[in-house]
Amino acid sequence: DVQTAVRLALTGNLAKYAVNSAVKSVQHYTDSETGDIKHPLSR
């Protein structure tokens, strides 16, 4: 839903690179470890 919002609000390469950057960030987030109980990693 956020991606659709970005494509509506931004145009051209601005939208393209913003989406590419966000997809990579989400991938890093889902692939990463959460850390341990004493030292949890922030999102």
Full PDB file with SEQRES, HELIX, SHEET, SSBOND, CRYST1, ORIGX, SCALE, CONECT and MASTER records, all heavy atoms in Angstrom:
SEQRES   1 A   43  ASP VAL GLN THR ALA VAL ARG LEU ALA LEU THR GLY ASN          
SEQRES   2 A   43  LEU ALA LYS TYR ALA VAL ASN SER ALA VAL LYS SER VAL          
SEQRES   3 A   43  GLN HIS TYR THR ASP SER GLU THR GLY ASP ILE LYS HIS          
SEQRES   4 A   43  PRO LEU SER ARG                                              
HELIX    1 AA1 VAL A    2  ALA A    9  1                                   8    
HELIX    2 AA2 GLY A   12  ASP A   31  1                                  20    
CRYST1    1.000    1.000    1.000  90.00  90.00  90.00 P 1           1          
ORIGX1      1.000000  0.000000  0.000000        0.00000                         
ORIGX2      0.000000  1.000000  0.000000        0.00000                         
ORIGX3      0.000000  0.000000  1.000000        0.00000                         
SCALE1      1.000000  0.000000  0.000000        0.00000                         
SCALE2      0.000000  1.000000  0.000000        0.00000                         
SCALE3      0.000000  0.000000  1.000000        0.00000                         
ATOM      1  N   ASP A   1       0.831  -1.203   0.000  1.00  0.00           N  
ATOM      2  CA  ASP A   1       0.000   0.000   0.000  1.00  0.00           C  
ATOM      3  C   ASP A   1       0.867   1.254   0.000  1.00  0.00           C  
ATOM      4  O   ASP A   1       0.559   2.245  -0.675  1.00  0.00           O  
ATOM      5  CB  ASP A   1      -0.923   0.017   1.218  1.00  0.00           C  
ATOM      6  CG  ASP A   1      -1.929  -1.119   1.202  1.00  0.00           C  
ATOM      7  OD1 ASP A   1      -2.530  -1.367   0.144  1.00  0.00           O  
ATOM      8  OD2 ASP A   1      -2.104  -1.767   2.258  1.00  0.00           O  
ATOM      9  N   VAL A   2       1.969   1.206   0.751  1.00  0.00           N  
ATOM     10  CA  VAL A   2       2.895   2.341   0.786  1.00  0.00           C  
ATOM     11  C   VAL A   2       3.551   2.516  -0.584  1.00  0.00           C  
ATOM     12  O   VAL A   2       3.718   3.636  -1.075  1.00  0.00           O  
ATOM     13  CB  VAL A   2       3.965   2.158   1.878  1.00  0.00           C  
ATOM     14  CG1 VAL A   2       4.929   3.349   1.888  1.00  0.00           C  
ATOM     15  CG2 VAL A   2       3.325   2.008   3.256  1.00  0.00           C  
ATOM     16  N   GLN A   3       3.902   1.394  -1.214  1.00  0.00           N  
ATOM     17  CA  GLN A   3       4.517   1.464  -2.543  1.00  0.00           C  
ATOM     18  C   GLN A   3       3.572   2.111  -3.555  1.00  0.00           C  
ATOM     19  O   GLN A   3       3.987   2.950  -4.356  1.00  0.00           O  
ATOM     20  CB  GLN A   3       4.896   0.068  -3.025  1.00  0.00           C  
ATOM     21  CG  GLN A   3       5.626   0.078  -4.365  1.00  0.00           C  
ATOM     22  CD  GLN A   3       6.065  -1.302  -4.793  1.00  0.00           C  
ATOM     23  OE1 GLN A   3       5.402  -1.961  -5.578  1.00  0.00           O  
ATOM     24  NE2 GLN A   3       7.195  -1.749  -4.264  1.00  0.00           N  
ATOM     25  N   THR A   4       2.301   1.739  -3.505  1.00  0.00           N  
ATOM     26  CA  THR A   4       1.319   2.351  -4.404  1.00  0.00           C  
ATOM     27  C   THR A   4       1.218   3.850  -4.142  1.00  0.00           C  
ATOM     28  O   THR A   4       1.132   4.656  -5.071  1.00  0.00           O  
ATOM     29  CB  THR A   4      -0.065   1.699  -4.212  1.00  0.00           C  
ATOM     30  OG1 THR A   4       0.043   0.293  -4.423  1.00  0.00           O  
ATOM     31  CG2 THR A   4      -1.078   2.272  -5.192  1.00  0.00           C  
ATOM     32  N   ALA A   5       1.245   4.237  -2.866  1.00  0.00           N  
ATOM     33  CA  ALA A   5       1.193   5.658  -2.490  1.00  0.00           C  
ATOM     34  C   ALA A   5       2.398   6.413  -3.049  1.00  0.00           C  
ATOM     35  O   ALA A   5       2.272   7.534  -3.548  1.00  0.00           O  
ATOM     36  CB  ALA A   5       1.142   5.791  -0.968  1.00  0.00           C  
ATOM     37  N   VAL A   6       3.573   5.784  -2.978  1.00  0.00           N  
ATOM     38  CA  VAL A   6       4.798   6.414  -3.488  1.00  0.00           C  
ATOM     39  C   VAL A   6       4.706   6.615  -4.992  1.00  0.00           C  
ATOM     40  O   VAL A   6       5.063   7.676  -5.519  1.00  0.00           O  
ATOM     41  CB  VAL A   6       6.038   5.550  -3.133  1.00  0.00           C  
ATOM     42  CG1 VAL A   6       7.283   6.074  -3.843  1.00  0.00           C  
ATOM     43  CG2 VAL A   6       6.259   5.542  -1.628  1.00  0.00           C  
ATOM     44  N   ARG A   7       4.208   5.616  -5.702  1.00  0.00           N  
ATOM     45  CA  ARG A   7       4.089   5.718  -7.155  1.00  0.00           C  
ATOM     46  C   ARG A   7       3.067   6.788  -7.565  1.00  0.00           C  
ATOM     47  O   ARG A   7       3.175   7.379  -8.640  1.00  0.00           O  
ATOM     48  CB  ARG A   7       3.709   4.360  -7.752  1.00  0.00           C  
ATOM     49  CG  ARG A   7       4.808   3.319  -7.634  1.00  0.00           C  
ATOM     50  CD  ARG A   7       4.500   2.093  -8.465  1.00  0.00           C  
ATOM     51  NE  ARG A   7       5.482   1.036  -8.281  1.00  0.00           N  
ATOM     52  CZ  ARG A   7       6.674   0.990  -8.872  1.00  0.00           C  
ATOM     53  NH1 ARG A   7       7.039   1.975  -9.695  1.00  0.00           N  
ATOM     54  NH2 ARG A   7       7.491  -0.017  -8.654  1.00  0.00           N  
ATOM     55  N   LEU A   8       2.081   7.023  -6.719  1.00  0.00           N  
ATOM     56  CA  LEU A   8       1.095   8.069  -6.997  1.00  0.00           C  
ATOM     57  C   LEU A   8       1.647   9.460  -6.693  1.00  0.00           C  
ATOM     58  O   LEU A   8       1.347  10.429  -7.398  1.00  0.00           O  
ATOM     59  CB  LEU A   8      -0.174   7.835  -6.162  1.00  0.00           C  
ATOM     60  CG  LEU A   8      -1.079   6.679  -6.595  1.00  0.00           C  
ATOM     61  CD1 LEU A   8      -2.175   6.466  -5.557  1.00  0.00           C  
ATOM     62  CD2 LEU A   8      -1.701   6.957  -7.963  1.00  0.00           C  
ATOM     63  N   ALA A   9       2.454   9.567  -5.638  1.00  0.00           N  
ATOM     64  CA  ALA A   9       2.942  10.876  -5.194  1.00  0.00           C  
ATOM     65  C   ALA A   9       4.188  11.339  -5.939  1.00  0.00           C  
ATOM     66  O   ALA A   9       4.363  12.524  -6.200  1.00  0.00           O  
ATOM     67  CB  ALA A   9       3.229  10.835  -3.694  1.00  0.00           C  
ATOM     68  N   LEU A  10       5.067  10.394  -6.291  1.00  0.00           N  
ATOM     69  CA  LEU A  10       6.308  10.726  -6.978  1.00  0.00           C  
ATOM     70  C   LEU A  10       6.210  10.348  -8.454  1.00  0.00           C  
ATOM     71  O   LEU A  10       5.336   9.585  -8.844  1.00  0.00           O  
ATOM     72  CB  LEU A  10       7.492  10.004  -6.320  1.00  0.00           C  
ATOM     73  CG  LEU A  10       7.659  10.185  -4.813  1.00  0.00           C  
ATOM     74  CD1 LEU A  10       8.887   9.443  -4.323  1.00  0.00           C  
ATOM     75  CD2 LEU A  10       7.736  11.644  -4.424  1.00  0.00           C  
ATOM     76  N   THR A  11       7.153  10.845  -9.241  1.00  0.00           N  
ATOM     77  CA  THR A  11       7.125  10.569 -10.672  1.00  0.00           C  
ATOM     78  C   THR A  11       8.500  10.148 -11.179  1.00  0.00           C  
ATOM     79  O   THR A  11       9.519  10.401 -10.530  1.00  0.00           O  
ATOM     80  CB  THR A  11       6.679  11.814 -11.475  1.00  0.00           C  
ATOM     81  OG1 THR A  11       7.599  12.892 -11.204  1.00  0.00           O  
ATOM     82  CG2 THR A  11       5.278  12.232 -11.111  1.00  0.00           C  
ATOM     83  N   GLY A  12       8.513   9.515 -12.351  1.00  0.00           N  
ATOM     84  CA  GLY A  12       9.757   9.213 -13.058  1.00  0.00           C  
ATOM     85  C   GLY A  12      10.796   8.482 -12.237  1.00  0.00           C  
ATOM     86  O   GLY A  12      10.498   7.567 -11.470  1.00  0.00           O  
ATOM     87  N   ASN A  13      12.063   8.918 -12.406  1.00  0.00           N  
ATOM     88  CA  ASN A  13      13.176   8.272 -11.707  1.00  0.00           C  
ATOM     89  C   ASN A  13      13.104   8.454 -10.201  1.00  0.00           C  
ATOM     90  O   ASN A  13      13.615   7.631  -9.443  1.00  0.00           O  
ATOM     91  CB  ASN A  13      14.516   8.815 -12.232  1.00  0.00           C  
ATOM     92  CG  ASN A  13      14.862   8.268 -13.598  1.00  0.00           C  
ATOM     93  OD1 ASN A  13      14.475   7.152 -13.949  1.00  0.00           O  
ATOM     94  ND2 ASN A  13      15.575   9.049 -14.398  1.00  0.00           N  
ATOM     95  N   LEU A  14      12.483   9.545  -9.766  1.00  0.00           N  
ATOM     96  CA  LEU A  14      12.331   9.790  -8.332  1.00  0.00           C  
ATOM     97  C   LEU A  14      11.529   8.648  -7.696  1.00  0.00           C  
ATOM     98  O   LEU A  14      11.920   8.116  -6.653  1.00  0.00           O  
ATOM     99  CB  LEU A  14      11.617  11.124  -8.111  1.00  0.00           C  
ATOM    100  CG  LEU A  14      11.841  11.837  -6.771  1.00  0.00           C  
ATOM    101  CD1 LEU A  14      13.311  12.136  -6.551  1.00  0.00           C  
ATOM    102  CD2 LEU A  14      11.030  13.118  -6.717  1.00  0.00           C  
ATOM    103  N   ALA A  15      10.431   8.273  -8.344  1.00  0.00           N  
ATOM    104  CA  ALA A  15       9.615   7.158  -7.853  1.00  0.00           C  
ATOM    105  C   ALA A  15      10.364   5.840  -7.997  1.00  0.00           C  
ATOM    106  O   ALA A  15      10.361   4.996  -7.080  1.00  0.00           O  
ATOM    107  CB  ALA A  15       8.295   7.100  -8.611  1.00  0.00           C  
ATOM    108  N   LYS A  16      11.026   5.651  -9.127  1.00  0.00           N  
ATOM    109  CA  LYS A  16      11.744   4.400  -9.403  1.00  0.00           C  
ATOM    110  C   LYS A  16      12.810   4.123  -8.351  1.00  0.00           C  
ATOM    111  O   LYS A  16      12.882   3.027  -7.776  1.00  0.00           O  
ATOM    112  CB  LYS A  16      12.388   4.477 -10.798  1.00  0.00           C  
ATOM    113  CG  LYS A  16      13.235   3.275 -11.157  1.00  0.00           C  
ATOM    114  CD  LYS A  16      13.907   3.485 -12.510  1.00  0.00           C  
ATOM    115  CE  LYS A  16      14.872   2.346 -12.824  1.00  0.00           C  
ATOM    116  NZ  LYS A  16      15.558   2.560 -14.134  1.00  0.00           N  
ATOM    117  N   TYR A  17      13.665   5.105  -8.092  1.00  0.00           N  
ATOM    118  CA  TYR A  17      14.765   4.894  -7.155  1.00  0.00           C  
ATOM    119  C   TYR A  17      14.290   4.857  -5.701  1.00  0.00           C  
ATOM    120  O   TYR A  17      14.886   4.169  -4.868  1.00  0.00           O  
ATOM    121  CB  TYR A  17      15.832   5.967  -7.350  1.00  0.00           C  
ATOM    122  CG  TYR A  17      16.529   5.873  -8.689  1.00  0.00           C  
ATOM    123  CD1 TYR A  17      16.660   6.994  -9.509  1.00  0.00           C  
ATOM    124  CD2 TYR A  17      17.030   4.665  -9.155  1.00  0.00           C  
ATOM    125  CE1 TYR A  17      17.280   6.907 -10.749  1.00  0.00           C  
ATOM    126  CE2 TYR A  17      17.658   4.562 -10.386  1.00  0.00           C  
ATOM    127  CZ  TYR A  17      17.774   5.682 -11.183  1.00  0.00           C  
ATOM    128  OH  TYR A  17      18.383   5.592 -12.415  1.00  0.00           O  
ATOM    129  N   ALA A  18      13.229   5.595  -5.400  1.00  0.00           N  
ATOM    130  CA  ALA A  18      12.661   5.537  -4.047  1.00  0.00           C  
ATOM    131  C   ALA A  18      12.121   4.145  -3.762  1.00  0.00           C  
ATOM    132  O   ALA A  18      12.333   3.588  -2.681  1.00  0.00           O  
ATOM    133  CB  ALA A  18      11.555   6.582  -3.896  1.00  0.00           C  
ATOM    134  N   VAL A  19      11.424   3.566  -4.742  1.00  0.00           N  
ATOM    135  CA  VAL A  19      10.879   2.210  -4.596  1.00  0.00           C  
ATOM    136  C   VAL A  19      12.006   1.184  -4.490  1.00  0.00           C  
ATOM    137  O   VAL A  19      11.977   0.293  -3.636  1.00  0.00           O  
ATOM    138  CB  VAL A  19       9.944   1.871  -5.782  1.00  0.00           C  
ATOM    139  CG1 VAL A  19       9.623   0.370  -5.818  1.00  0.00           C  
ATOM    140  CG2 VAL A  19       8.652   2.675  -5.679  1.00  0.00           C  
ATOM    141  N   ASN A  20      13.025   1.308  -5.352  1.00  0.00           N  
ATOM    142  CA  ASN A  20      14.162   0.373  -5.303  1.00  0.00           C  
ATOM    143  C   ASN A  20      14.852   0.403  -3.948  1.00  0.00           C  
ATOM    144  O   ASN A  20      15.206  -0.639  -3.382  1.00  0.00           O  
ATOM    145  CB  ASN A  20      15.177   0.713  -6.399  1.00  0.00           C  
ATOM    146  CG  ASN A  20      14.683   0.367  -7.788  1.00  0.00           C  
ATOM    147  OD1 ASN A  20      13.704  -0.364  -7.939  1.00  0.00           O  
ATOM    148  ND2 ASN A  20      15.340   0.886  -8.811  1.00  0.00           N  
ATOM    149  N   SER A  21      15.042   1.614  -3.426  1.00  0.00           N  
ATOM    150  CA  SER A  21      15.682   1.780  -2.123  1.00  0.00           C  
ATOM    151  C   SER A  21      14.847   1.152  -1.012  1.00  0.00           C  
ATOM    152  O   SER A  21      15.373   0.461  -0.129  1.00  0.00           O  
ATOM    153  CB  SER A  21      15.895   3.272  -1.837  1.00  0.00           C  
ATOM    154  OG  SER A  21      16.433   3.482  -0.556  1.00  0.00           O  
ATOM    155  N   ALA A  22      13.535   1.366  -1.073  1.00  0.00           N  
ATOM    156  CA  ALA A  22      12.638   0.843  -0.039  1.00  0.00           C  
ATOM    157  C   ALA A  22      12.554  -0.679  -0.077  1.00  0.00           C  
ATOM    158  O   ALA A  22      12.520  -1.335   0.976  1.00  0.00           O  
ATOM    159  CB  ALA A  22      11.251   1.452  -0.205  1.00  0.00           C  
ATOM    160  N   VAL A  23      12.527  -1.253  -1.272  1.00  0.00           N  
ATOM    161  CA  VAL A  23      12.473  -2.715  -1.410  1.00  0.00           C  
ATOM    162  C   VAL A  23      13.722  -3.345  -0.791  1.00  0.00           C  
ATOM    163  O   VAL A  23      13.638  -4.376  -0.086  1.00  0.00           O  
ATOM    164  CB  VAL A  23      12.341  -3.117  -2.902  1.00  0.00           C  
ATOM    165  CG1 VAL A  23      12.572  -4.621  -3.085  1.00  0.00           C  
ATOM    166  CG2 VAL A  23      10.958  -2.745  -3.424  1.00  0.00           C  
ATOM    167  N   LYS A  24      14.897  -2.733  -1.019  1.00  0.00           N  
ATOM    168  CA  LYS A  24      16.140  -3.241  -0.428  1.00  0.00           C  
ATOM    169  C   LYS A  24      16.105  -3.146   1.095  1.00  0.00           C  
ATOM    170  O   LYS A  24      16.544  -4.068   1.792  1.00  0.00           O  
ATOM    171  CB  LYS A  24      17.333  -2.452  -0.972  1.00  0.00           C  
ATOM    172  CG  LYS A  24      17.669  -2.754  -2.419  1.00  0.00           C  
ATOM    173  CD  LYS A  24      18.845  -1.909  -2.888  1.00  0.00           C  
ATOM    174  CE  LYS A  24      19.138  -2.162  -4.365  1.00  0.00           C  
ATOM    175  NZ  LYS A  24      20.244  -1.295  -4.855  1.00  0.00           N  
ATOM    176  N   SER A  25      15.581  -2.035   1.611  1.00  0.00           N  
ATOM    177  CA  SER A  25      15.504  -1.856   3.065  1.00  0.00           C  
ATOM    178  C   SER A  25      14.593  -2.895   3.705  1.00  0.00           C  
ATOM    179  O   SER A  25      14.920  -3.453   4.762  1.00  0.00           O  
ATOM    180  CB  SER A  25      15.001  -0.447   3.394  1.00  0.00           C  
ATOM    181  OG  SER A  25      15.901   0.535   2.951  1.00  0.00           O  
ATOM    182  N   VAL A  26      13.456  -3.152   3.079  1.00  0.00           N  
ATOM    183  CA  VAL A  26      12.528  -4.167   3.597  1.00  0.00           C  
ATOM    184  C   VAL A  26      13.183  -5.544   3.561  1.00  0.00           C  
ATOM    185  O   VAL A  26      13.030  -6.347   4.490  1.00  0.00           O  
ATOM    186  CB  VAL A  26      11.211  -4.160   2.793  1.00  0.00           C  
ATOM    187  CG1 VAL A  26      10.355  -5.380   3.144  1.00  0.00           C  
ATOM    188  CG2 VAL A  26      10.428  -2.882   3.065  1.00  0.00           C  
ATOM    189  N   GLN A  27      13.955  -5.816   2.481  1.00  0.00           N  
ATOM    190  CA  GLN A  27      14.644  -7.106   2.370  1.00  0.00           C  
ATOM    191  C   GLN A  27      15.673  -7.258   3.477  1.00  0.00           C  
ATOM    192  O   GLN A  27      15.795  -8.325   4.098  1.00  0.00           O  
ATOM    193  CB  GLN A  27      15.315  -7.211   1.005  1.00  0.00           C  
ATOM    194  CG  GLN A  27      15.842  -8.609   0.660  1.00  0.00           C  
ATOM    195  CD  GLN A  27      14.730  -9.625   0.547  1.00  0.00           C  
ATOM    196  OE1 GLN A  27      13.752  -9.407  -0.170  1.00  0.00           O  
ATOM    197  NE2 GLN A  27      14.842 -10.734   1.256  1.00  0.00           N  
ATOM    198  N   HIS A  28      16.454  -6.192   3.729  1.00  0.00           N  
ATOM    199  CA  HIS A  28      17.428  -6.216   4.837  1.00  0.00           C  
ATOM    200  C   HIS A  28      16.714  -6.495   6.165  1.00  0.00           C  
ATOM    201  O   HIS A  28      17.204  -7.271   6.987  1.00  0.00           O  
ATOM    202  CB  HIS A  28      18.168  -4.875   4.929  1.00  0.00           C  
ATOM    203  CG  HIS A  28      19.160  -4.641   3.840  1.00  0.00           C  
ATOM    204  ND1 HIS A  28      20.079  -5.581   3.442  1.00  0.00           N  
ATOM    205  CD2 HIS A  28      19.375  -3.541   3.051  1.00  0.00           C  
ATOM    206  CE1 HIS A  28      20.825  -5.088   2.465  1.00  0.00           C  
ATOM    207  NE2 HIS A  28      20.421  -3.859   2.210  1.00  0.00           N  
ATOM    208  N   TYR A  29      15.580  -5.843   6.335  1.00  0.00           N  
ATOM    209  CA  TYR A  29      14.824  -5.975   7.586  1.00  0.00           C  
ATOM    210  C   TYR A  29      14.319  -7.401   7.796  1.00  0.00           C  
ATOM    211  O   TYR A  29      14.465  -7.968   8.873  1.00  0.00           O  
ATOM    212  CB  TYR A  29      13.647  -4.996   7.567  1.00  0.00           C  
ATOM    213  CG  TYR A  29      12.727  -5.102   8.755  1.00  0.00           C  
ATOM    214  CD1 TYR A  29      13.090  -4.577  10.001  1.00  0.00           C  
ATOM    215  CD2 TYR A  29      11.485  -5.731   8.642  1.00  0.00           C  
ATOM    216  CE1 TYR A  29      12.244  -4.675  11.091  1.00  0.00           C  
ATOM    217  CE2 TYR A  29      10.640  -5.826   9.734  1.00  0.00           C  
ATOM    218  CZ  TYR A  29      11.019  -5.303  10.946  1.00  0.00           C  
ATOM    219  OH  TYR A  29      10.178  -5.410  12.030  1.00  0.00           O  
ATOM    220  N   THR A  30      13.730  -7.967   6.765  1.00  0.00           N  
ATOM    221  CA  THR A  30      13.153  -9.319   6.899  1.00  0.00           C  
ATOM    222  C   THR A  30      14.232 -10.398   7.002  1.00  0.00           C  
ATOM    223  O   THR A  30      14.009 -11.441   7.606  1.00  0.00           O  
ATOM    224  CB  THR A  30      12.227  -9.637   5.711  1.00  0.00           C  
ATOM    225  OG1 THR A  30      12.932  -9.443   4.473  1.00  0.00           O  
ATOM    226  CG2 THR A  30      11.007  -8.733   5.726  1.00  0.00           C  
ATOM    227  N   ASP A  31      15.415 -10.141   6.411  1.00  0.00           N  
ATOM    228  CA  ASP A  31      16.504 -11.126   6.441  1.00  0.00           C  
ATOM    229  C   ASP A  31      17.331 -11.050   7.716  1.00  0.00           C  
ATOM    230  O   ASP A  31      18.090 -11.980   8.022  1.00  0.00           O  
ATOM    231  CB  ASP A  31      17.445 -10.930   5.236  1.00  0.00           C  
ATOM    232  CG  ASP A  31      16.796 -11.339   3.926  1.00  0.00           C  
ATOM    233  OD1 ASP A  31      15.738 -12.000   3.965  1.00  0.00           O  
ATOM    234  OD2 ASP A  31      17.346 -10.983   2.867  1.00  0.00           O  
ATOM    235  N   SER A  32      17.225  -9.956   8.462  1.00  0.00           N  
ATOM    236  CA  SER A  32      18.093  -9.742   9.627  1.00  0.00           C  
ATOM    237  C   SER A  32      17.575 -10.439  10.876  1.00  0.00           C  
ATOM    238  O   SER A  32      16.404 -10.808  10.970  1.00  0.00           O  
ATOM    239  CB  SER A  32      18.226  -8.241   9.906  1.00  0.00           C  
ATOM    240  OG  SER A  32      16.981  -7.722  10.356  1.00  0.00           O  
ATOM    241  N   GLU A  33      18.485 -10.587  11.824  1.00  0.00           N  
ATOM    242  CA  GLU A  33      18.127 -11.132  13.132  1.00  0.00           C  
ATOM    243  C   GLU A  33      17.586  -9.998  14.005  1.00  0.00           C  
ATOM    244  O   GLU A  33      17.929  -8.834  13.825  1.00  0.00           O  
ATOM    245  CB  GLU A  33      19.355 -11.763  13.797  1.00  0.00           C  
ATOM    246  CG  GLU A  33      19.978 -12.922  13.018  1.00  0.00           C  
ATOM    247  CD  GLU A  33      19.074 -14.143  12.991  1.00  0.00           C  
ATOM    248  OE1 GLU A  33      18.243 -14.286  13.912  1.00  0.00           O  
ATOM    249  OE2 GLU A  33      19.192 -14.953  12.052  1.00  0.00           O  
ATOM    250  N   THR A  34      16.747 -10.338  14.969  1.00  0.00           N  
ATOM    251  CA  THR A  34      16.162  -9.322  15.851  1.00  0.00           C  
ATOM    252  C   THR A  34      17.075  -8.962  17.015  1.00  0.00           C  
ATOM    253  O   THR A  34      16.820  -8.003  17.734  1.00  0.00           O  
ATOM    254  CB  THR A  34      14.820  -9.819  16.416  1.00  0.00           C  
ATOM    255  OG1 THR A  34      15.032 -11.039  17.128  1.00  0.00           O  
ATOM    256  CG2 THR A  34      13.820 -10.052  15.297  1.00  0.00           C  
ATOM    257  N   GLY A  35      18.168  -9.731  17.189  1.00  0.00           N  
ATOM    258  CA  GLY A  35      19.027  -9.520  18.347  1.00  0.00           C  
ATOM    259  C   GLY A  35      18.554 -10.376  19.512  1.00  0.00           C  
ATOM    260  O   GLY A  35      17.577 -11.124  19.391  1.00  0.00           O  
ATOM    261  N   ASP A  36      19.222 -10.260  20.649  1.00  0.00           N  
ATOM    262  CA  ASP A  36      18.798 -11.049  21.803  1.00  0.00           C  
ATOM    263  C   ASP A  36      17.933 -10.195  22.739  1.00  0.00           C  
ATOM    264  O   ASP A  36      17.688  -9.023  22.488  1.00  0.00           O  
ATOM    265  CB  ASP A  36      20.007 -11.629  22.559  1.00  0.00           C  
ATOM    266  CG  ASP A  36      21.020 -10.557  22.947  1.00  0.00           C  
ATOM    267  OD1 ASP A  36      20.582  -9.457  23.342  1.00  0.00           O  
ATOM    268  OD2 ASP A  36      22.229 -10.802  22.847  1.00  0.00           O  
ATOM    269  N   ILE A  37      17.477 -10.806  23.822  1.00  0.00           N  
ATOM    270  CA  ILE A  37      16.583 -10.114  24.759  1.00  0.00           C  
ATOM    271  C   ILE A  37      17.263  -8.906  25.393  1.00  0.00           C  
ATOM    272  O   ILE A  37      16.657  -7.846  25.547  1.00  0.00           O  
ATOM    273  CB  ILE A  37      16.088 -11.090  25.856  1.00  0.00           C  
ATOM    274  CG1 ILE A  37      15.262 -12.208  25.207  1.00  0.00           C  
ATOM    275  CG2 ILE A  37      15.262 -10.353  26.901  1.00  0.00           C  
ATOM    276  CD1 ILE A  37      14.816 -13.284  26.174  1.00  0.00           C  
ATOM    277  N   LYS A  38      18.542  -9.060  25.756  1.00  0.00           N  
ATOM    278  CA  LYS A  38      19.256  -7.959  26.413  1.00  0.00           C  
ATOM    279  C   LYS A  38      19.673  -6.873  25.422  1.00  0.00           C  
ATOM    280  O   LYS A  38      19.768  -5.702  25.775  1.00  0.00           O  
ATOM    281  CB  LYS A  38      20.496  -8.502  27.141  1.00  0.00           C  
ATOM    282  CG  LYS A  38      20.165  -9.331  28.374  1.00  0.00           C  
ATOM    283  CD  LYS A  38      21.433  -9.715  29.113  1.00  0.00           C  
ATOM    284  CE  LYS A  38      21.115 -10.481  30.393  1.00  0.00           C  
ATOM    285  NZ  LYS A  38      22.340 -10.883  31.131  1.00  0.00           N  
ATOM    286  N   HIS A  39      19.935  -7.271  24.181  1.00  0.00           N  
ATOM    287  CA  HIS A  39      20.404  -6.301  23.194  1.00  0.00           C  
ATOM    288  C   HIS A  39      19.600  -6.434  21.894  1.00  0.00           C  
ATOM    289  O   HIS A  39      20.139  -6.859  20.854  1.00  0.00           O  
ATOM    290  CB  HIS A  39      21.894  -6.494  22.902  1.00  0.00           C  
ATOM    291  CG  HIS A  39      22.755  -6.404  24.120  1.00  0.00           C  
ATOM    292  ND1 HIS A  39      23.139  -7.511  24.855  1.00  0.00           N  
ATOM    293  CD2 HIS A  39      23.284  -5.322  24.757  1.00  0.00           C  
ATOM    294  CE1 HIS A  39      23.891  -7.130  25.867  1.00  0.00           C  
ATOM    295  NE2 HIS A  39      23.991  -5.805  25.838  1.00  0.00           N  
ATOM    296  N   PRO A  40      18.329  -6.062  21.947  1.00  0.00           N  
ATOM    297  CA  PRO A  40      17.506  -6.148  20.727  1.00  0.00           C  
ATOM    298  C   PRO A  40      17.920  -5.075  19.719  1.00  0.00           C  
ATOM    299  O   PRO A  40      18.309  -3.966  20.098  1.00  0.00           O  
ATOM    300  CB  PRO A  40      16.088  -5.908  21.237  1.00  0.00           C  
ATOM    301  CG  PRO A  40      16.270  -5.089  22.479  1.00  0.00           C  
ATOM    302  CD  PRO A  40      17.557  -5.552  23.094  1.00  0.00           C  
ATOM    303  N   LEU A  41      17.841  -5.417  18.455  1.00  0.00           N  
ATOM    304  CA  LEU A  41      18.167  -4.451  17.401  1.00  0.00           C  
ATOM    305  C   LEU A  41      16.935  -3.629  17.050  1.00  0.00           C  
ATOM    306  O   LEU A  41      15.823  -4.155  16.995  1.00  0.00           O  
ATOM    307  CB  LEU A  41      18.668  -5.181  16.154  1.00  0.00           C  
ATOM    308  CG  LEU A  41      20.030  -5.880  16.253  1.00  0.00           C  
ATOM    309  CD1 LEU A  41      20.308  -6.656  14.968  1.00  0.00           C  
ATOM    310  CD2 LEU A  41      21.132  -4.865  16.504  1.00  0.00           C  
ATOM    311  N   SER A  42      17.144  -2.341  16.807  1.00  0.00           N  
ATOM    312  CA  SER A  42      16.026  -1.494  16.395  1.00  0.00           C  
ATOM    313  C   SER A  42      15.626  -1.855  14.973  1.00  0.00           C  
ATOM    314  O   SER A  42      16.402  -2.444  14.202  1.00  0.00           O  
ATOM    315  CB  SER A  42      16.415  -0.012  16.460  1.00  0.00           C  
ATOM    316  OG  SER A  42      17.371   0.290  15.462  1.00  0.00           O  
ATOM    317  N   ARG A  43      14.418  -1.475  14.598  1.00  0.00           N  
ATOM    318  CA  ARG A  43      13.961  -1.741  13.235  1.00  0.00           C  
ATOM    319  C   ARG A  43      14.809  -0.980  12.217  1.00  0.00           C  
ATOM    320  O   ARG A  43      15.068  -1.477  11.117  1.00  0.00           O  
ATOM    321  CB  ARG A  43      12.482  -1.379  13.099  1.00  0.00           C  
ATOM    322  CG  ARG A  43      11.559  -2.372  13.773  1.00  0.00           C  
ATOM    323  CD  ARG A  43      10.102  -1.972  13.659  1.00  0.00           C  
ATOM    324  NE  ARG A  43       9.777  -0.831  14.485  1.00  0.00           N  
ATOM    325  CZ  ARG A  43       8.563  -0.261  14.544  1.00  0.00           C  
ATOM    326  NH1 ARG A  43       7.579  -0.743  13.797  1.00  0.00           N  
ATOM    327  NH2 ARG A  43       8.331   0.773  15.329  1.00  0.00           N  
TER     328      ARG A  43                                                      
MASTER        0    0    0    2    0    0    0    6  327    1    0    4          
END                                                                             
